[in-house]
Amino acid sequence: MKIIKNPKELKIYLKKMPQSIGFVPTMGALHEGHISLIQKAKKENEFIVVSIFVNPTQFAKNEDLSKYPNDTLRDEKICEMSGVDVLFYPDAKDIYGEDEVSVLAPNVRGFVLEGYTRPSHFNGVLTVVMKLFNIVKPDRAYFGKKDAQQLHLIQLMVKQLFMDVSIIPVDTMRESDGLAMSSRNVYLSKIQREQSLKISSSLNLARGLISKNIYDAKKIKQQMRQYLEPLEVYYVEVLDREFHTIDSVEIGNTLILVEVKVGDTRLLDNIWL
């Protein structure tokens, strides 16, 4: 595995590659969910690039960027053992300059759900993803379905800006007890870890209601919110796959999304129906 830190060096190196390139952008603190993205990429491409970059522009002023989990040696080992060809590990000064051009999230879909409480978040996400795509020029890029809003907005950016990359969604990986895998899970105390199981259980509750032919979105959201008490709930929503509000579950075109705060940690999850 080759480690490259400079964007220009990576562009020159990849320009010589005749193979198809699969790309997995990450912020590090890698876990089984990231490994599943890499494995999917390896099945569909001849050459694999993983980036690790904790993007400062997607953190708000009240969010502590310095506390984001970081284990460089472990991440490098995981990438090497997973068969990654190039690990791209840039510094912020090599990605951002002064008086930056930026990509703006759409006025509606970028400022609801997670974007409502973190209004600058998706501007930062889309800007850095655009930069990474321009550096790596992948044939395919892989993103987890757990971050459904992020995934949708990246798909939207690629479509609307006529970008030549295929976005491949990958199913959420879960712990044995059902908790969605996330780099943020390391923040949880033992008690908070137990409390966090209410998230996936609330989604299972929604599945159960739907299996009983209860499709009314208002009823589903109400029962989920009741189940999630006393956790602080940022949102519980039932949307179609284009992130529009719907009154009734449409099988094959519905997302049920939830985000809560457990201790000081934001956790999100969803199911695709």
Protein backbone atom coordinates (compact mmCIF):
# COMPACT_ATOMS: atom_id res chain seq x y z
CA MET A 1 0.00 0.00 0.00
CA LYS A 2 1.30 3.43 -0.96
CA ILE A 3 0.64 6.43 1.31
CA ILE A 4 0.41 9.80 -0.40
CA LYS A 5 -0.20 13.10 1.37
CA ASN A 6 0.09 15.69 -1.39
CA PRO A 7 -2.88 16.19 -3.77
CA LYS A 8 -0.68 17.01 -6.78
CA GLU A 9 1.46 13.93 -6.19
CA LEU A 10 -1.66 11.76 -6.01
CA LYS A 11 -3.08 13.24 -9.23
CA ILE A 12 0.18 12.51 -11.07
CA TYR A 13 0.36 8.99 -9.64
CA LEU A 14 -3.24 8.08 -10.52
CA LYS A 15 -2.99 9.57 -14.01
CA LYS A 16 -0.74 6.64 -14.94
CA MET A 17 -3.34 4.09 -13.79
CA PRO A 18 -5.24 2.42 -16.64
CA GLN A 19 -7.43 0.47 -14.20
CA SER A 20 -10.85 1.43 -12.90
CA ILE A 21 -10.57 3.36 -9.63
CA GLY A 22 -12.82 2.78 -6.63
CA PHE A 23 -12.73 5.50 -3.97
CA VAL A 24 -13.73 5.40 -0.31
CA PRO A 25 -13.54 8.84 1.38
CA THR A 26 -13.40 8.69 5.19
CA MET A 27 -12.56 10.80 8.22
CA GLY A 28 -10.57 7.98 9.83
CA ALA A 29 -11.34 6.08 13.04
CA LEU A 30 -12.07 3.18 10.71
CA HIS A 31 -14.39 0.33 11.67
CA GLU A 32 -16.19 -2.62 10.08
CA GLY A 33 -18.52 -0.25 8.26
CA HIS A 34 -15.60 1.34 6.44
CA ILE A 35 -14.16 -2.10 5.70
CA SER A 36 -17.46 -3.10 4.06
CA LEU A 37 -17.14 -0.06 1.76
CA ILE A 38 -13.60 -1.08 0.83
CA GLN A 39 -14.65 -4.68 0.20
CA LYS A 40 -17.49 -3.54 -2.07
CA ALA A 41 -15.09 -1.25 -3.93
CA LYS A 42 -12.59 -4.10 -4.41
CA LYS A 43 -15.26 -6.29 -6.00
CA GLU A 44 -16.16 -3.62 -8.54
CA ASN A 45 -12.82 -1.95 -9.33
CA GLU A 46 -9.23 -2.83 -10.10
CA PHE A 47 -7.56 -0.10 -8.02
CA ILE A 48 -8.68 1.20 -4.60
CA VAL A 49 -8.03 4.61 -3.06
CA VAL A 50 -9.06 5.46 0.51
CA SER A 51 -8.78 8.99 1.86
CA ILE A 52 -8.55 9.94 5.52
CA PHE A 53 -9.25 13.61 6.11
CA VAL A 54 -11.04 15.16 9.08
CA ASN A 55 -12.65 18.00 7.18
CA PRO A 56 -12.67 21.23 9.24
CA THR A 57 -15.30 23.01 7.14
CA GLN A 58 -18.09 20.60 8.10
CA PHE A 59 -17.68 21.32 11.84
CA ALA A 60 -19.54 24.25 13.37
CA LYS A 61 -17.82 26.71 15.71
CA ASN A 62 -19.39 25.03 18.76
CA GLU A 63 -18.17 21.56 17.68
CA ASP A 64 -14.75 20.44 18.84
CA LEU A 65 -12.84 19.27 15.78
CA SER A 66 -9.82 18.32 17.90
CA LYS A 67 -11.84 15.70 19.80
CA TYR A 68 -12.76 13.70 16.70
CA PRO A 69 -11.33 10.16 17.18
CA ASN A 70 -7.90 9.69 15.64
CA ASP A 71 -5.76 6.55 15.45
CA THR A 72 -3.45 6.91 12.47
CA LEU A 73 -1.44 3.70 12.84
CA ARG A 74 -4.54 1.57 13.34
CA ASP A 75 -6.25 3.14 10.32
CA GLU A 76 -3.19 2.52 8.15
CA LYS A 77 -3.08 -1.11 9.25
CA ILE A 78 -6.77 -1.62 8.50
CA CYS A 79 -6.34 -0.17 5.01
CA GLU A 80 -3.27 -2.30 4.33
CA MET A 81 -4.98 -5.50 5.53
CA SER A 82 -8.09 -4.64 3.48
CA GLY A 83 -6.08 -4.50 0.26
CA VAL A 84 -6.15 -0.75 -0.33
CA ASP A 85 -3.73 0.36 -3.06
CA VAL A 86 -3.34 4.02 -2.07
CA LEU A 87 -4.11 5.75 1.21
CA PHE A 88 -4.50 9.50 0.70
CA TYR A 89 -3.73 11.37 3.91
CA PRO A 90 -3.70 15.13 3.16
CA ASP A 91 -3.22 18.06 5.52
CA ALA A 92 -5.88 20.77 5.68
CA LYS A 93 -3.42 23.34 4.27
CA ASP A 94 -3.10 21.21 1.12
CA ILE A 95 -6.87 20.97 0.65
CA TYR A 96 -7.93 24.53 1.53
CA GLY A 97 -6.48 27.92 0.68
CA GLU A 98 -7.47 31.52 1.27
CA ASP A 99 -10.70 33.06 -0.01
CA GLU A 100 -12.09 29.65 -0.89
CA VAL A 101 -14.54 28.78 -3.62
CA SER A 102 -17.17 26.54 -2.01
CA VAL A 103 -20.08 24.32 -2.97
CA LEU A 104 -23.40 25.30 -1.40
CA ALA A 105 -25.91 22.70 -0.26
CA PRO A 106 -29.40 23.03 -1.79
CA ASN A 107 -31.61 25.57 -0.03
CA VAL A 108 -34.19 23.04 1.19
CA ARG A 109 -32.73 19.54 1.34
CA GLY A 110 -29.41 20.81 2.69
CA PHE A 111 -30.95 22.66 5.64
CA VAL A 112 -33.42 20.15 7.06
CA LEU A 113 -32.78 17.21 9.43
CA GLU A 114 -29.06 17.32 10.31
CA GLY A 115 -28.69 20.50 8.27
CA TYR A 116 -31.26 22.26 10.45
CA THR A 117 -29.15 22.11 13.61
CA ARG A 118 -25.83 22.22 11.71
CA PRO A 119 -26.58 24.81 9.00
CA SER A 120 -23.05 24.99 7.56
CA HIS A 121 -22.39 21.26 7.74
CA PHE A 122 -23.38 20.12 4.26
CA ASN A 123 -21.71 23.07 2.56
CA GLY A 124 -18.48 21.73 4.02
CA VAL A 125 -19.27 18.12 3.13
CA LEU A 126 -20.09 18.86 -0.50
CA THR A 127 -17.10 21.16 -0.94
CA VAL A 128 -14.59 18.61 0.33
CA VAL A 129 -16.18 15.73 -1.60
CA MET A 130 -15.99 17.80 -4.79
CA LYS A 131 -12.30 18.48 -4.10
CA LEU A 132 -11.56 14.82 -3.39
CA PHE A 133 -13.36 13.70 -6.55
CA ASN A 134 -11.33 16.17 -8.59
CA ILE A 135 -8.09 14.88 -7.07
CA VAL A 136 -8.81 11.14 -7.31
CA LYS A 137 -11.07 11.13 -10.40
CA PRO A 138 -12.64 7.81 -9.41
CA ASP A 139 -14.92 5.72 -11.56
CA ARG A 140 -16.98 4.83 -8.50
CA ALA A 141 -17.19 6.26 -4.97
CA TYR A 142 -18.66 4.42 -1.99
CA PHE A 143 -20.77 5.86 0.82
CA GLY A 144 -22.73 4.25 3.66
CA LYS A 145 -26.51 4.39 3.79
CA LYS A 146 -26.38 5.30 7.50
CA ASP A 147 -25.59 8.90 6.52
CA ALA A 148 -28.60 8.98 4.21
CA GLN A 149 -28.89 12.76 3.91
CA GLN A 150 -25.20 13.10 3.11
CA LEU A 151 -25.48 10.32 0.54
CA HIS A 152 -28.50 11.92 -1.11
CA LEU A 153 -26.88 15.36 -1.34
CA ILE A 154 -23.70 13.91 -2.85
CA GLN A 155 -25.80 12.03 -5.41
CA LEU A 156 -27.65 15.27 -6.12
CA MET A 157 -24.39 17.22 -6.57
CA VAL A 158 -23.00 14.60 -8.95
CA LYS A 159 -26.22 14.61 -11.00
CA GLN A 160 -26.76 18.36 -11.13
CA LEU A 161 -23.12 19.26 -11.81
CA PHE A 162 -22.77 16.51 -14.45
CA MET A 163 -19.86 14.86 -12.67
CA ASP A 164 -18.36 11.72 -14.16
CA VAL A 165 -18.44 9.41 -11.14
CA SER A 166 -20.91 6.74 -10.00
CA ILE A 167 -22.05 6.97 -6.38
CA ILE A 168 -22.50 3.51 -4.85
CA PRO A 169 -24.60 3.26 -1.64
CA VAL A 170 -23.59 0.50 0.80
CA ASP A 171 -25.81 -0.98 3.51
CA THR A 172 -25.29 0.05 7.13
CA MET A 173 -23.13 -2.27 9.22
CA ARG A 174 -24.35 -2.93 12.77
CA GLU A 175 -22.94 -4.18 16.03
CA SER A 176 -24.27 -7.51 17.28
CA ASP A 177 -26.82 -5.65 19.44
CA GLY A 178 -28.14 -3.62 16.50
CA LEU A 179 -26.36 -0.28 17.05
CA ALA A 180 -25.27 1.24 13.76
CA MET A 181 -21.48 1.32 13.50
CA SER A 182 -20.08 4.83 13.80
CA SER A 183 -16.75 6.40 14.67
CA ARG A 184 -18.66 8.42 17.28
CA ASN A 185 -19.62 5.29 19.25
CA VAL A 186 -16.27 5.46 21.07
CA TYR A 187 -17.53 8.57 22.90
CA LEU A 188 -20.27 6.58 24.66
CA SER A 189 -19.98 5.44 28.27
CA LYS A 190 -21.30 1.99 29.17
CA ILE A 191 -24.65 3.45 30.29
CA GLN A 192 -24.89 5.68 27.22
CA ARG A 193 -24.08 2.69 25.00
CA GLU A 194 -27.10 0.89 26.46
CA GLN A 195 -29.28 3.97 26.02
CA SER A 196 -28.22 4.27 22.38
CA LEU A 197 -29.86 0.92 21.59
CA LYS A 198 -33.20 2.74 21.72
CA ILE A 199 -32.31 4.18 18.29
CA SER A 200 -32.26 0.93 16.33
CA SER A 201 -35.10 -0.42 18.47
CA SER A 202 -37.27 2.56 17.53
CA LEU A 203 -36.67 1.77 13.86
CA ASN A 204 -37.60 -1.86 14.50
CA LEU A 205 -40.76 -0.56 16.15
CA ALA A 206 -41.54 1.31 12.92
CA ARG A 207 -40.97 -1.88 10.91
CA GLY A 208 -43.38 -3.70 13.20
CA LEU A 209 -46.08 -1.09 12.74
CA ILE A 210 -45.67 -1.23 8.97
CA SER A 211 -45.88 -5.04 9.05
CA LYS A 212 -49.29 -4.55 10.68
CA ASN A 213 -50.33 -2.31 7.76
CA ILE A 214 -49.93 0.93 9.70
CA TYR A 215 -48.53 3.28 7.04
CA ASP A 216 -49.56 6.63 8.52
CA ALA A 217 -46.35 8.65 8.92
CA LYS A 218 -47.70 10.75 11.79
CA LYS A 219 -48.60 7.67 13.87
CA ILE A 220 -45.24 6.04 13.19
CA LYS A 221 -43.28 9.15 14.16
CA GLN A 222 -45.38 9.67 17.31
CA GLN A 223 -44.79 6.13 18.56
CA MET A 224 -41.08 6.30 17.76
CA ARG A 225 -40.71 9.55 19.68
CA GLN A 226 -42.49 8.08 22.68
CA TYR A 227 -40.21 5.04 22.57
CA LEU A 228 -37.07 7.20 22.39
CA GLU A 229 -37.87 9.05 25.64
CA PRO A 230 -36.02 10.34 27.63
CA LEU A 231 -33.31 10.79 24.97
CA GLU A 232 -32.98 14.21 23.35
CA VAL A 233 -34.44 13.78 19.86
CA TYR A 234 -33.23 16.03 17.03
CA TYR A 235 -35.66 14.54 14.54
CA VAL A 236 -37.75 11.55 13.57
CA GLU A 237 -38.90 11.76 9.96
CA VAL A 238 -40.63 9.69 7.30
CA LEU A 239 -39.55 10.84 3.83
CA ASP A 240 -39.45 9.58 0.28
CA ARG A 241 -36.10 8.77 -1.34
CA GLU A 242 -35.87 12.33 -2.71
CA PHE A 243 -36.17 13.68 0.86
CA HIS A 244 -39.66 15.07 0.47
CA THR A 245 -42.15 14.80 3.35
CA ILE A 246 -44.81 12.13 2.85
CA ASP A 247 -47.99 11.39 4.80
CA SER A 248 -47.91 7.64 4.28
CA VAL A 249 -45.16 5.02 3.91
CA GLU A 250 -44.57 4.03 0.28
CA ILE A 251 -42.84 0.65 0.17
CA GLY A 252 -39.83 0.87 -2.14
CA ASN A 253 -39.62 4.67 -1.84
CA THR A 254 -39.39 5.51 1.86
CA LEU A 255 -36.76 6.44 4.41
CA ILE A 256 -37.40 6.55 8.13
CA LEU A 257 -34.67 8.61 9.78
CA VAL A 258 -33.81 9.40 13.37
CA GLU A 259 -31.11 11.43 15.10
CA VAL A 260 -30.72 11.73 18.86
CA LYS A 261 -28.24 13.03 21.38
CA VAL A 262 -26.86 10.49 23.84
CA GLY A 263 -24.76 12.28 26.43
CA ASP A 264 -22.83 14.77 24.29
CA THR A 265 -22.85 12.55 21.21
CA ARG A 266 -25.09 12.89 18.17
CA LEU A 267 -26.10 9.53 16.71
CA LEU A 268 -28.17 8.91 13.62
CA ASP A 269 -29.70 5.88 11.96
CA ASN A 270 -32.35 5.00 9.40
CA ILE A 271 -34.12 2.26 7.52
CA TRP A 272 -34.79 2.11 3.80
CA LEU A 273 -38.20 0.68 2.91
